[in-house]
Structure formats: C-alpha cells, structure tokens
Amino acid sequence: MLEVGDGHSLYWEVSGNPDGKPAVALHGGPGSGSSPRMRGLFDPDRYRVVLFDQRNCGRSTPSATDPVADLSANTTQHLVGDIEALRVHLGIERWLVEGGSWGVTLALAYAQAHPERVTELVLVAVTSGDRRDTDWITRDMGRVFPREWERFRDGVPPAERDGDLSAAYSRLLHDPDPEVRAKAAHEWCVWEDTHMSLAPDAEPFLSVAEPAFQLAFARLVTHYWSHGCFLEEGQLLRDVERLHGIPAVLIHGRYDVSGPLGTAWALHRAWPGSELVVLDDTGHGGGSMAAAIVAATDRFGRAQGE
C-alpha cells in the first residue's frame, strides 16, 4: 500500500523480472481495478510489471463501496499525481505505459504531463474523456440499442431524463437508501454490458458482478463522466504534440460501439509516428485484442534488450 495523501492509500504490486524493462498498466473503468490477467500482457522475463488500483477502487482505500466515501479528491489530476508518486516510490526512472479504455485517457493525461518519464505507450480501446464521447454512450447510442437504452434512461427520475444521465445516476448512487443505490448500480452495469457487447465472444460481466463491485464501479464512472473526466473538452488531442517522439501503438476494435474508431483515428492522424492497429474481429475487447497487445509489448521488450 502507498499513502498518496487526502486519506487515500493505493494497492500496488510488481511482478516479472526485477531487472526487466519497467512498465505500468492502467486499468479501465474508472473503477474496474487491476486484475491478474493484466500481467499476462507482458513477457515476465523481459518486463518489470507494475499494477495498481486507482483511488477508491479494488484494494485501494477508502473504497467507493462505503456510502460515506468522499470522491472529491479523486480526479484525473489526482490520479496522474498518484502514478508519479508510485514511480518515484519504486525508484523507476522511465517506463512503458499501457492502458485500456479509461486507462487510455489516463495514460494520455499522464504522458502529456510527464513525457520525459514515458518510454513507449500501448493504448487499447482508445478513449479521450471528452463529453461528446460520454454523451455518445449515455444518450446517442440509444439509436443502436433503443430498447436497452430506454430501460437505462428510465432508471432515473422523469425530471432528469433529458439532462446529464451520468450525473442523474451519480445522485442515485449516493442516495441514503441502500436499495436505491443498489438498483442504480445494477442498471448502470446492465447498460455498460449492453454497449460493450459487440464482439464475437462477448459475455456480460458487470451486470453479474457482486453488488459491492457494481456500486463502486458505477459511482466512479458517473463521478468522472459527470465532471467531463476533469479535462477540458478536446484537451488530450489538442496537447498531443507533447507526445511527439514517444513510440506508440494504438489498438482498436472495428466493432467497438462503446468507443467508435473515429477517436483512435483522430489521435493517430494528429500524432506522427504513432501506429494504429485496427482489429476486425472484436469490439471493446475480446477477439485478438490480447494477442495484439502482447505483440506490441513483445516488440518494445525486444528493442529494450538489443
């Protein structure tokens, strides 16, 4: 555990080769937490792999499952500071940064703030944190899944159905009544599973998760989305020049309706030297995605050893 201030303590772990190429993997969500499968994206003989649970989720404390947990000290800027604090704590000079989904947004924010600390970037299911992207997920995608979206919309009070649905759900997720909180968390997770379903091997996982996980996950996602991910609109694309010279592989599924390919394409076009890998057998995950990530990390790992 690492104390990072504001009453927060982060769970972290290191695996692989102690003398290997340093890499940090940033989980999605926000609020998914790290998982053992993330270690498998790196050759343990070549890499020193760092995983950690971002604020208020996983094994970090305090947990967003606590009804009185204060999320005010949980912003993108706080998380960027946490990554730096962990790097310093571990005595790492520079490292490869890998992230998936929300982890891409965080990786880009971190790399733009500290480009001198990043050797390479491997970004999977590219997201930008822009409000237009969260509006797409919470409202516009009703054109793709109309029946499921109406259920999602109707999970908030009628007076709030034409406004910011992530903010409306966030209020429900902090309601004093535990039944209201649990129902809102479940409905949010049902919708998440729906829009991440366009992959040949996709199976629901959030809607069948433990209620405590659903609550923490939904609280953190809605906290970030209702605040525009604590970024200026278009900020990460605007400041992409800070990343010029850093090798990067962007990996995206052709059928990713959660995060349409256009976001990855715009980033790739604005970032000379970045490589865009489009997978024709998957959406927001699954298919050949893990193999594509391993191919990228293997390539960067071999370059380190040459």
Protein backbone atom coordinates (compact mmCIF):
# COMPACT_ATOMS: atom_id res chain seq x y z
CA MET A 1 0.00 0.00 0.00
CA LEU A 2 1.19 3.53 -0.78
CA GLU A 3 -0.11 6.58 1.05
CA VAL A 4 -0.77 9.34 -1.52
CA GLY A 5 -2.46 11.97 0.62
CA ASP A 6 -6.07 13.09 1.05
CA GLY A 7 -6.63 9.99 3.19
CA HIS A 8 -6.02 7.67 0.21
CA SER A 9 -3.89 4.54 0.18
CA LEU A 10 -3.20 2.71 -3.10
CA TYR A 11 -2.73 -1.00 -3.55
CA TRP A 12 0.19 -1.79 -5.86
CA GLU A 13 2.14 -4.88 -6.93
CA VAL A 14 5.19 -5.69 -9.02
CA SER A 15 5.77 -8.89 -10.99
CA GLY A 16 8.11 -10.22 -13.64
CA ASN A 17 11.85 -9.63 -13.85
CA PRO A 18 13.16 -7.24 -11.14
CA ASP A 19 15.83 -6.12 -13.64
CA GLY A 20 13.46 -6.01 -16.60
CA LYS A 21 12.07 -3.12 -18.60
CA PRO A 22 9.68 -1.16 -16.34
CA ALA A 23 6.04 -0.95 -17.40
CA VAL A 24 2.89 0.27 -15.69
CA ALA A 25 -0.58 -0.94 -16.71
CA LEU A 26 -3.55 1.36 -16.13
CA HIS A 27 -6.92 -0.30 -15.67
CA GLY A 28 -10.19 0.91 -17.11
CA GLY A 29 -13.49 1.99 -15.70
CA PRO A 30 -12.85 4.32 -13.99
CA GLY A 31 -13.21 1.90 -11.11
CA SER A 32 -12.56 -1.54 -12.63
CA GLY A 33 -9.45 -2.16 -10.56
CA SER A 34 -6.40 -4.11 -11.68
CA SER A 35 -6.56 -7.85 -12.31
CA PRO A 36 -4.06 -10.72 -12.61
CA ARG A 37 -4.80 -11.08 -16.34
CA MET A 38 -3.14 -7.70 -16.91
CA ARG A 39 0.22 -9.27 -16.00
CA GLY A 40 -0.19 -11.65 -18.94
CA LEU A 41 0.13 -8.77 -21.40
CA PHE A 42 3.87 -8.61 -20.67
CA ASP A 43 6.72 -11.12 -21.04
CA PRO A 44 7.75 -11.75 -17.41
CA ASP A 45 11.33 -12.45 -18.46
CA ARG A 46 11.69 -9.05 -20.13
CA TYR A 47 9.45 -6.79 -18.05
CA ARG A 48 9.14 -5.46 -14.52
CA VAL A 49 5.36 -5.01 -14.47
CA VAL A 50 3.63 -2.57 -12.12
CA LEU A 51 -0.11 -2.81 -11.43
CA PHE A 52 -2.12 -0.68 -9.04
CA ASP A 53 -5.72 0.05 -8.13
CA GLN A 54 -6.72 3.65 -8.74
CA ARG A 55 -8.30 5.70 -5.95
CA ASN A 56 -11.44 4.33 -4.27
CA CYS A 57 -11.49 1.01 -6.14
CA GLY A 58 -10.09 -2.50 -5.97
CA ARG A 59 -7.94 -2.94 -2.89
CA SER A 60 -7.20 0.76 -2.51
CA THR A 61 -8.78 2.60 0.39
CA PRO A 62 -11.16 4.14 1.15
CA SER A 63 -13.49 2.18 -1.13
CA ALA A 64 -16.30 3.76 -3.11
CA THR A 65 -18.49 0.97 -1.76
CA ASP A 66 -18.61 2.93 1.51
CA PRO A 67 -21.79 5.06 1.49
CA VAL A 68 -19.91 8.00 3.02
CA ALA A 69 -16.78 7.75 0.83
CA ASP A 70 -15.78 11.23 -0.33
CA LEU A 71 -14.83 11.30 -4.02
CA SER A 72 -13.80 14.97 -4.10
CA ALA A 73 -10.08 14.06 -4.01
CA ASN A 74 -10.48 11.64 -6.91
CA THR A 75 -9.84 13.45 -10.20
CA THR A 76 -7.72 12.84 -13.27
CA GLN A 77 -5.13 15.22 -11.85
CA HIS A 78 -5.01 13.26 -8.58
CA LEU A 79 -4.52 10.01 -10.49
CA VAL A 80 -1.73 11.49 -12.62
CA GLY A 81 -0.02 12.54 -9.38
CA ASP A 82 -0.51 9.04 -7.97
CA ILE A 83 1.23 7.44 -10.97
CA GLU A 84 4.20 9.74 -10.46
CA ALA A 85 4.26 9.05 -6.73
CA LEU A 86 4.32 5.30 -7.41
CA ARG A 87 7.10 5.67 -9.99
CA VAL A 88 9.24 7.61 -7.51
CA HIS A 89 8.43 5.16 -4.70
CA LEU A 90 9.63 2.23 -6.84
CA GLY A 91 12.77 4.04 -7.99
CA ILE A 92 11.85 3.83 -11.67
CA GLU A 93 13.36 6.45 -13.97
CA ARG A 94 11.20 5.85 -17.06
CA TRP A 95 8.61 3.25 -18.02
CA LEU A 96 6.31 1.98 -20.73
CA VAL A 97 2.71 2.97 -20.06
CA GLU A 98 -0.11 0.64 -21.12
CA GLY A 99 -3.78 1.43 -20.70
CA GLY A 100 -7.16 0.20 -21.85
CA SER A 101 -10.40 2.17 -22.32
CA TRP A 102 -10.49 4.73 -19.47
CA GLY A 103 -6.86 3.69 -18.90
CA VAL A 104 -6.06 5.26 -22.30
CA THR A 105 -7.45 8.62 -21.22
CA LEU A 106 -5.42 8.43 -18.02
CA ALA A 107 -2.30 7.27 -19.86
CA LEU A 108 -2.52 10.18 -22.28
CA ALA A 109 -3.06 12.67 -19.45
CA TYR A 110 -0.08 11.25 -17.55
CA ALA A 111 2.21 11.12 -20.59
CA GLN A 112 1.35 14.69 -21.58
CA ALA A 113 2.11 15.87 -18.04
CA HIS A 114 5.33 13.83 -17.75
CA PRO A 115 6.58 12.96 -21.27
CA GLU A 116 10.15 12.63 -20.03
CA ARG A 117 9.09 9.64 -17.89
CA VAL A 118 7.47 7.62 -20.70
CA THR A 119 9.45 5.31 -22.98
CA GLU A 120 6.52 3.98 -25.05
CA LEU A 121 2.73 3.88 -24.98
CA VAL A 122 0.45 0.94 -25.75
CA LEU A 123 -3.13 2.23 -25.84
CA VAL A 124 -6.05 -0.17 -26.22
CA ALA A 125 -9.71 0.73 -27.00
CA VAL A 126 -8.82 4.39 -27.36
CA THR A 127 -10.84 6.95 -25.41
CA SER A 128 -10.38 10.69 -24.98
CA GLY A 129 -12.50 11.59 -21.95
CA ASP A 130 -14.40 14.19 -23.98
CA ARG A 131 -18.03 14.92 -23.11
CA ARG A 132 -19.10 14.17 -26.65
CA ASP A 133 -17.84 10.61 -26.15
CA THR A 134 -19.70 10.16 -22.87
CA ASP A 135 -22.79 11.75 -24.41
CA TRP A 136 -22.49 9.16 -27.17
CA ILE A 137 -22.50 6.32 -24.63
CA THR A 138 -25.22 7.68 -22.34
CA ARG A 139 -27.60 9.13 -24.95
CA ASP A 140 -26.76 8.91 -28.66
CA MET A 141 -26.17 5.16 -28.57
CA GLY A 142 -29.86 4.74 -27.89
CA ARG A 143 -30.15 4.62 -31.67
CA VAL A 144 -28.10 1.41 -31.66
CA PHE A 145 -29.76 -0.25 -28.65
CA PRO A 146 -33.14 1.52 -28.38
CA ARG A 147 -34.92 -0.95 -26.10
CA GLU A 148 -31.97 -1.27 -23.70
CA TRP A 149 -31.35 2.47 -23.70
CA GLU A 150 -34.95 3.24 -22.71
CA ARG A 151 -34.53 0.96 -19.73
CA PHE A 152 -31.29 2.76 -18.87
CA ARG A 153 -32.88 6.20 -19.23
CA ASP A 154 -35.92 5.19 -17.20
CA GLY A 155 -33.65 4.26 -14.32
CA VAL A 156 -33.54 7.93 -13.28
CA PRO A 157 -36.44 10.18 -12.19
CA PRO A 158 -38.58 11.55 -15.06
CA ALA A 159 -37.49 15.13 -14.41
CA GLU A 160 -33.84 14.17 -15.05
CA ARG A 161 -34.23 12.05 -18.17
CA ASP A 162 -33.48 14.88 -20.60
CA GLY A 163 -30.34 16.02 -18.78
CA ASP A 164 -26.93 14.56 -17.93
CA LEU A 165 -27.76 10.92 -17.28
CA SER A 166 -24.38 10.19 -15.69
CA ALA A 167 -24.98 13.00 -13.18
CA ALA A 168 -28.52 11.75 -12.52
CA TYR A 169 -27.24 8.24 -11.85
CA SER A 170 -24.47 9.64 -9.65
CA ARG A 171 -27.09 11.26 -7.42
CA LEU A 172 -28.97 7.98 -7.13
CA LEU A 173 -25.73 6.15 -6.33
CA HIS A 174 -25.25 8.45 -3.33
CA ASP A 175 -28.86 8.20 -2.12
CA PRO A 176 -29.26 7.45 1.61
CA ASP A 177 -31.42 4.42 0.78
CA PRO A 178 -29.21 1.35 0.09
CA GLU A 179 -31.90 -0.18 -2.15
CA VAL A 180 -31.92 2.93 -4.36
CA ARG A 181 -28.12 2.80 -4.59
CA ALA A 182 -28.06 -0.92 -5.42
CA LYS A 183 -30.74 -0.63 -8.11
CA ALA A 184 -29.00 2.32 -9.78
CA ALA A 185 -25.66 0.48 -9.74
CA HIS A 186 -27.20 -2.61 -11.31
CA GLU A 187 -29.00 -0.65 -14.05
CA TRP A 188 -25.80 1.24 -14.87
CA CYS A 189 -23.89 -2.04 -15.18
CA VAL A 190 -26.61 -3.61 -17.36
CA TRP A 191 -26.23 -0.71 -19.79
CA GLU A 192 -22.41 -0.97 -19.71
CA ASP A 193 -22.61 -4.66 -20.60
CA THR A 194 -25.00 -3.82 -23.44
CA HIS A 195 -22.81 -1.30 -25.20
CA MET A 196 -19.68 -3.44 -24.77
CA SER A 197 -21.36 -6.48 -26.29
CA LEU A 198 -20.42 -6.21 -29.97
CA ALA A 199 -17.69 -8.82 -30.05
CA PRO A 200 -17.98 -12.47 -31.13
CA ASP A 201 -17.05 -13.79 -27.68
CA ALA A 202 -18.60 -11.04 -25.53
CA GLU A 203 -20.30 -12.10 -22.30
CA PRO A 204 -21.86 -9.90 -19.61
CA PHE A 205 -19.59 -9.39 -16.64
CA LEU A 206 -20.55 -6.13 -14.92
CA SER A 207 -24.27 -6.90 -14.60
CA VAL A 208 -23.50 -10.22 -12.90
CA ALA A 209 -20.74 -8.90 -10.63
CA GLU A 210 -21.03 -8.62 -6.87
CA PRO A 211 -23.28 -5.72 -5.78
CA ALA A 212 -20.39 -4.08 -3.88
CA PHE A 213 -18.26 -4.03 -7.05
CA GLN A 214 -21.17 -2.70 -9.10
CA LEU A 215 -21.67 0.15 -6.64
CA ALA A 216 -18.00 1.20 -6.55
CA PHE A 217 -17.66 0.90 -10.34
CA ALA A 218 -20.84 2.84 -11.13
CA ARG A 219 -20.06 5.55 -8.59
CA LEU A 220 -16.61 6.16 -10.03
CA VAL A 221 -17.68 6.10 -13.69
CA THR A 222 -20.52 8.54 -13.09
CA HIS A 223 -18.30 10.74 -10.90
CA TYR A 224 -15.81 11.11 -13.75
CA TRP A 225 -18.27 11.34 -16.61
CA SER A 226 -20.48 13.91 -14.92
CA HIS A 227 -17.38 16.10 -14.46
CA GLY A 228 -16.12 15.74 -18.02
CA CYS A 229 -13.35 13.45 -16.74
CA PHE A 230 -11.87 16.60 -15.17
CA LEU A 231 -10.41 17.59 -18.53
CA GLU A 232 -11.05 20.44 -20.92
CA GLU A 233 -13.02 19.37 -23.97
CA GLY A 234 -10.56 18.22 -26.62
CA GLN A 235 -7.59 18.67 -24.26
CA LEU A 236 -5.80 15.39 -24.96
CA LEU A 237 -6.00 15.74 -28.73
CA ARG A 238 -5.05 19.42 -28.51
CA ASP A 239 -1.91 18.67 -26.49
CA VAL A 240 -0.82 15.57 -28.42
CA GLU A 241 2.30 17.38 -29.65
CA ARG A 242 3.75 16.81 -26.18
CA LEU A 243 3.94 13.13 -27.10
CA HIS A 244 5.78 13.53 -30.39
CA GLY A 245 8.85 11.31 -30.38
CA ILE A 246 7.34 8.75 -27.99
CA PRO A 247 6.73 5.43 -29.81
CA ALA A 248 3.09 4.41 -29.54
CA VAL A 249 0.80 1.60 -30.67
CA LEU A 250 -2.95 2.30 -30.71
CA ILE A 251 -5.09 -0.85 -30.77
CA HIS A 252 -8.81 -0.63 -31.51
CA GLY A 253 -11.62 -2.99 -32.41
CA ARG A 254 -13.55 -2.36 -35.62
CA TYR A 255 -16.83 -3.18 -33.83
CA ASP A 256 -16.22 -1.05 -30.75
CA VAL A 257 -19.51 0.80 -30.40
CA SER A 258 -18.61 1.96 -26.87
CA GLY A 259 -15.73 3.98 -28.26
CA PRO A 260 -16.07 4.41 -32.03
CA LEU A 261 -12.93 4.05 -34.11
CA GLY A 262 -13.02 7.74 -35.05
CA THR A 263 -11.45 8.71 -31.72
CA ALA A 264 -8.44 6.46 -32.31
CA TRP A 265 -8.20 7.64 -35.92
CA ALA A 266 -8.17 11.33 -34.93
CA LEU A 267 -5.45 10.70 -32.34
CA HIS A 268 -3.37 8.70 -34.83
CA ARG A 269 -3.65 11.40 -37.50
CA ALA A 270 -2.52 14.09 -35.04
CA TRP A 271 0.38 12.02 -33.69
CA PRO A 272 3.21 11.45 -36.18
CA GLY A 273 4.94 8.18 -35.55
CA SER A 274 2.02 6.51 -33.81
CA GLU A 275 0.87 3.17 -35.19
CA LEU A 276 -2.83 2.32 -35.40
CA VAL A 277 -3.80 -1.36 -35.34
CA VAL A 278 -7.46 -1.98 -36.22
CA LEU A 279 -8.78 -5.41 -35.32
CA ASP A 280 -11.58 -6.79 -37.49
CA ASP A 281 -12.70 -9.48 -35.06
CA THR A 282 -13.57 -7.55 -31.93
CA GLY A 283 -15.29 -4.60 -30.27
CA HIS A 284 -14.29 -3.03 -26.95
CA GLY A 285 -12.43 -6.21 -26.02
CA GLY A 286 -12.05 -9.90 -26.75
CA GLY A 287 -11.13 -11.50 -30.04
CA SER A 288 -7.50 -10.94 -30.98
CA MET A 289 -7.06 -7.92 -28.72
CA ALA A 290 -4.90 -9.59 -26.07
CA ALA A 291 -2.66 -11.04 -28.79
CA ALA A 292 -2.26 -7.61 -30.37
CA ILE A 293 -1.28 -6.08 -27.03
CA VAL A 294 1.27 -8.84 -26.40
CA ALA A 295 2.70 -8.33 -29.89
CA ALA A 296 3.23 -4.63 -29.11
CA THR A 297 4.78 -5.19 -25.68
CA ASP A 298 6.96 -8.01 -27.05
CA ARG A 299 8.26 -5.72 -29.76
CA PHE A 300 9.11 -2.95 -27.29
CA GLY A 301 10.57 -5.51 -24.89
CA ARG A 302 12.86 -6.95 -27.56
CA ALA A 303 14.01 -3.47 -28.54
CA GLN A 304 14.98 -2.89 -24.91
CA GLY A 305 17.19 -5.97 -24.95
CA GLU A 306 19.00 -5.12 -28.19
